[in-house]
Amino acid sequence: MRDFICVYFGKDWAINARGFTSARQAESHGKYMMPVPGCFGFAVIEEDIGCWNVDWDRSMLSGKETVSQDNLGNFAISF
């Protein structure tokens, strides 16, 4: 079953918001969170069993960021 995640981030933090039913819904959440002071952007991630992909068309990234996942399943964005 696919899960859609919005990861919004700042200089030294990232927040993983889960539970969205579509990439569009996750993108809307990311846009809603953009006015938060210190928020640099967000990534919409589609996660399936054993794999995950960044939806670059629905994310607000400059292209210089690196998206990674830790052993606990949380995503981090570094630049």
Protein backbone atom coordinates (compact mmCIF):
# COMPACT_ATOMS: atom_id res chain seq x y z
CA MET A 1 0.00 0.00 0.00
CA ARG A 2 1.37 3.39 -0.97
CA ASP A 3 1.88 6.09 1.62
CA PHE A 4 2.43 9.74 0.80
CA ILE A 5 4.72 11.78 3.04
CA CYS A 6 5.51 15.49 3.18
CA VAL A 7 8.92 16.32 4.60
CA TYR A 8 9.43 20.02 5.21
CA PHE A 9 12.80 21.23 6.36
CA GLY A 10 14.99 24.07 7.57
CA LYS A 11 18.67 24.61 8.25
CA ASP A 12 19.13 21.77 10.74
CA TRP A 13 15.69 20.16 11.07
CA ALA A 14 13.16 18.14 9.09
CA ILE A 15 9.60 17.21 9.97
CA ASN A 16 7.97 14.10 8.47
CA ALA A 17 4.20 14.46 8.07
CA ARG A 18 2.57 11.14 7.18
CA GLY A 19 -0.90 9.81 6.44
CA PHE A 20 -1.79 11.56 3.20
CA THR A 21 -3.92 9.68 0.68
CA SER A 22 -2.46 11.34 -2.41
CA ALA A 23 0.60 13.23 -3.59
CA ARG A 24 -1.59 16.27 -4.17
CA GLN A 25 -2.74 16.26 -0.55
CA ALA A 26 0.87 16.02 0.68
CA GLU A 27 1.86 18.88 -1.65
CA SER A 28 -0.97 21.05 -0.28
CA HIS A 29 0.32 20.44 3.24
CA GLY A 30 3.84 21.44 2.19
CA LYS A 31 2.56 24.67 0.64
CA TYR A 32 0.60 25.38 3.81
CA MET A 33 3.75 24.98 5.92
CA MET A 34 6.01 27.18 3.73
CA PRO A 35 5.27 30.43 5.66
CA VAL A 36 6.72 28.87 8.85
CA PRO A 37 9.84 30.90 9.76
CA GLY A 38 12.98 29.03 8.75
CA CYS A 39 11.23 26.59 6.39
CA PHE A 40 13.33 26.25 3.22
CA GLY A 41 11.11 23.87 1.26
CA PHE A 42 9.44 20.48 1.23
CA ALA A 43 9.61 17.11 -0.47
CA VAL A 44 6.66 14.90 -1.37
CA ILE A 45 7.66 11.25 -1.03
CA GLU A 46 5.74 8.23 -2.26
CA GLU A 47 6.59 5.21 -0.12
CA ASP A 48 5.72 1.64 -0.99
CA ILE A 49 6.79 -1.66 0.53
CA GLY A 50 10.57 -1.79 0.20
CA CYS A 51 11.01 1.39 -1.85
CA TRP A 52 10.40 5.12 -1.89
CA ASN A 53 10.58 7.88 -4.51
CA VAL A 54 10.64 11.67 -4.36
CA ASP A 55 7.90 13.28 -6.46
CA TRP A 56 10.06 16.09 -7.87
CA ASP A 57 7.14 17.70 -9.71
CA ARG A 58 5.16 18.21 -6.49
CA SER A 59 8.11 19.11 -4.24
CA MET A 60 9.60 22.53 -3.61
CA LEU A 61 13.33 21.81 -3.81
CA SER A 62 16.17 23.64 -5.53
CA GLY A 63 17.68 20.41 -6.87
CA LYS A 64 20.79 20.63 -4.67
CA GLU A 65 19.24 18.79 -1.73
CA THR A 66 19.80 15.15 -0.86
CA VAL A 67 16.91 13.10 0.51
CA SER A 68 17.76 10.10 2.68
CA GLN A 69 15.97 7.66 4.95
CA ASP A 70 17.27 6.41 8.30
CA ASN A 71 16.82 2.96 9.86
CA LEU A 72 13.66 4.08 11.66
CA GLY A 73 11.94 5.11 8.41
CA ASN A 74 12.28 8.86 8.91
CA PHE A 75 13.41 11.03 6.04
CA ALA A 76 16.07 13.74 6.22
CA ILE A 77 16.93 16.46 3.72
CA SER A 78 20.43 17.86 3.57
CA PHE A 79 21.97 20.49 1.33
